[in-house]
Amino acid sequence: MRTIVVDAALVLAVLCEALCVLGVVASATVYDRLHYSGATTSVAPFLVLVAIVLRQPHPYTSPVWNGLFTAVTLFALNNVLSHAIARVARQRESRDVKL
């Protein structure tokens, strides 16, 4: 039963990523692309973390901590990077970029 849940979490993570990639490819503006690229770090890393936690025999092993750190870092830093990219894109649209 545990392996079925692990496999289901990994399949859902891959489907989430594939859906976000399709959204990025089909988007018309840079802001829409940022929206879909931001969604890649919100669900899928935590589904992979769930799979790692269920796969490990002891919850305090190194892969669990590495997965937790990676998922939280991706979730936290994506907001900062998306904001910075959107800000530069807006400045470029208004021709207000100073290099």
Protein backbone atom coordinates (compact mmCIF):
# COMPACT_ATOMS: atom_id res chain seq x y z
CA MET A 1 0.00 0.00 0.00
CA ARG A 2 2.85 2.36 0.83
CA THR A 3 4.48 1.91 -2.58
CA ILE A 4 1.17 2.71 -4.29
CA VAL A 5 0.96 6.02 -2.42
CA VAL A 6 4.59 6.80 -3.24
CA ASP A 7 4.01 6.04 -6.92
CA ALA A 8 0.80 8.09 -6.94
CA ALA A 9 2.58 11.09 -5.37
CA LEU A 10 5.37 10.91 -7.95
CA VAL A 11 2.92 10.57 -10.84
CA LEU A 12 0.97 13.58 -9.57
CA ALA A 13 4.21 15.57 -9.27
CA VAL A 14 5.15 14.77 -12.86
CA LEU A 15 1.64 15.64 -14.08
CA CYS A 16 1.74 18.96 -12.24
CA GLU A 17 5.09 19.81 -13.83
CA ALA A 18 3.89 18.78 -17.29
CA LEU A 19 0.79 20.95 -16.92
CA CYS A 20 2.91 23.92 -15.90
CA VAL A 21 5.27 23.40 -18.85
CA LEU A 22 2.29 23.34 -21.21
CA GLY A 23 1.08 26.55 -19.62
CA VAL A 24 4.45 28.22 -20.12
CA VAL A 25 4.59 27.13 -23.75
CA ALA A 26 1.02 28.23 -24.50
CA SER A 27 1.22 31.59 -22.69
CA ALA A 28 1.13 34.81 -24.62
CA THR A 29 2.81 37.28 -22.27
CA VAL A 30 5.78 37.19 -19.96
CA TYR A 31 3.48 37.66 -16.98
CA ASP A 32 1.44 34.58 -17.89
CA ARG A 33 4.67 32.61 -18.27
CA LEU A 34 5.78 33.76 -14.82
CA HIS A 35 2.45 32.67 -13.41
CA TYR A 36 2.82 29.13 -14.77
CA SER A 37 6.51 28.88 -13.92
CA GLY A 38 5.71 29.93 -10.36
CA ALA A 39 3.21 27.12 -10.05
CA THR A 40 5.96 24.58 -10.67
CA THR A 41 7.44 25.20 -7.25
CA SER A 42 4.25 25.19 -5.23
CA VAL A 43 2.88 21.64 -5.42
CA ALA A 44 5.29 19.23 -7.09
CA PRO A 45 8.26 19.59 -4.68
CA PHE A 46 6.00 18.83 -1.74
CA LEU A 47 4.58 15.76 -3.50
CA VAL A 48 8.12 14.54 -4.04
CA LEU A 49 8.81 15.24 -0.36
CA VAL A 50 5.80 13.11 0.60
CA ALA A 51 7.16 10.29 -1.56
CA ILE A 52 10.59 10.59 0.08
CA VAL A 53 9.13 10.58 3.59
CA LEU A 54 7.00 7.52 2.87
CA ARG A 55 9.88 5.67 1.21
CA GLN A 56 12.38 6.14 4.03
CA PRO A 57 12.22 3.68 6.95
CA HIS A 58 13.10 6.34 9.52
CA PRO A 59 11.72 9.89 9.21
CA TYR A 60 14.90 11.63 10.42
CA THR A 61 17.25 10.43 7.70
CA SER A 62 19.31 12.65 5.43
CA PRO A 63 17.11 12.31 2.30
CA VAL A 64 14.09 13.55 4.22
CA TRP A 65 15.93 16.63 5.46
CA ASN A 66 17.37 17.28 2.00
CA GLY A 67 13.92 16.99 0.43
CA LEU A 68 12.39 19.29 3.03
CA PHE A 69 15.11 21.89 2.53
CA THR A 70 14.77 21.73 -1.25
CA ALA A 71 10.98 22.00 -1.24
CA VAL A 72 10.90 24.92 1.19
CA THR A 73 13.75 26.73 -0.59
CA LEU A 74 12.07 26.38 -3.99
CA PHE A 75 8.77 27.58 -2.54
CA ALA A 76 10.31 30.59 -0.79
CA LEU A 77 12.77 31.75 -3.43
CA ASN A 78 10.42 31.44 -6.37
CA ASN A 79 8.32 34.33 -5.06
CA VAL A 80 11.37 36.58 -4.87
CA LEU A 81 12.63 35.60 -8.33
CA SER A 82 9.21 35.95 -9.96
CA HIS A 83 8.79 39.40 -8.45
CA ALA A 84 12.23 40.51 -9.67
CA ILE A 85 11.61 39.20 -13.19
CA ALA A 86 8.18 40.84 -13.37
CA ARG A 87 9.64 44.12 -12.18
CA VAL A 88 12.34 44.12 -14.87
CA ALA A 89 9.79 43.11 -17.52
CA ARG A 90 7.56 46.01 -16.51
CA GLN A 91 10.47 48.42 -16.64
CA ARG A 92 11.46 47.15 -20.08
CA GLU A 93 7.92 47.65 -21.34
CA SER A 94 7.93 51.26 -20.17
CA ARG A 95 11.48 51.81 -21.51
CA ASP A 96 12.67 52.74 -18.05
CA VAL A 97 15.61 50.33 -17.78
CA LYS A 98 18.96 51.82 -16.90
CA LEU A 99 21.93 49.55 -17.49
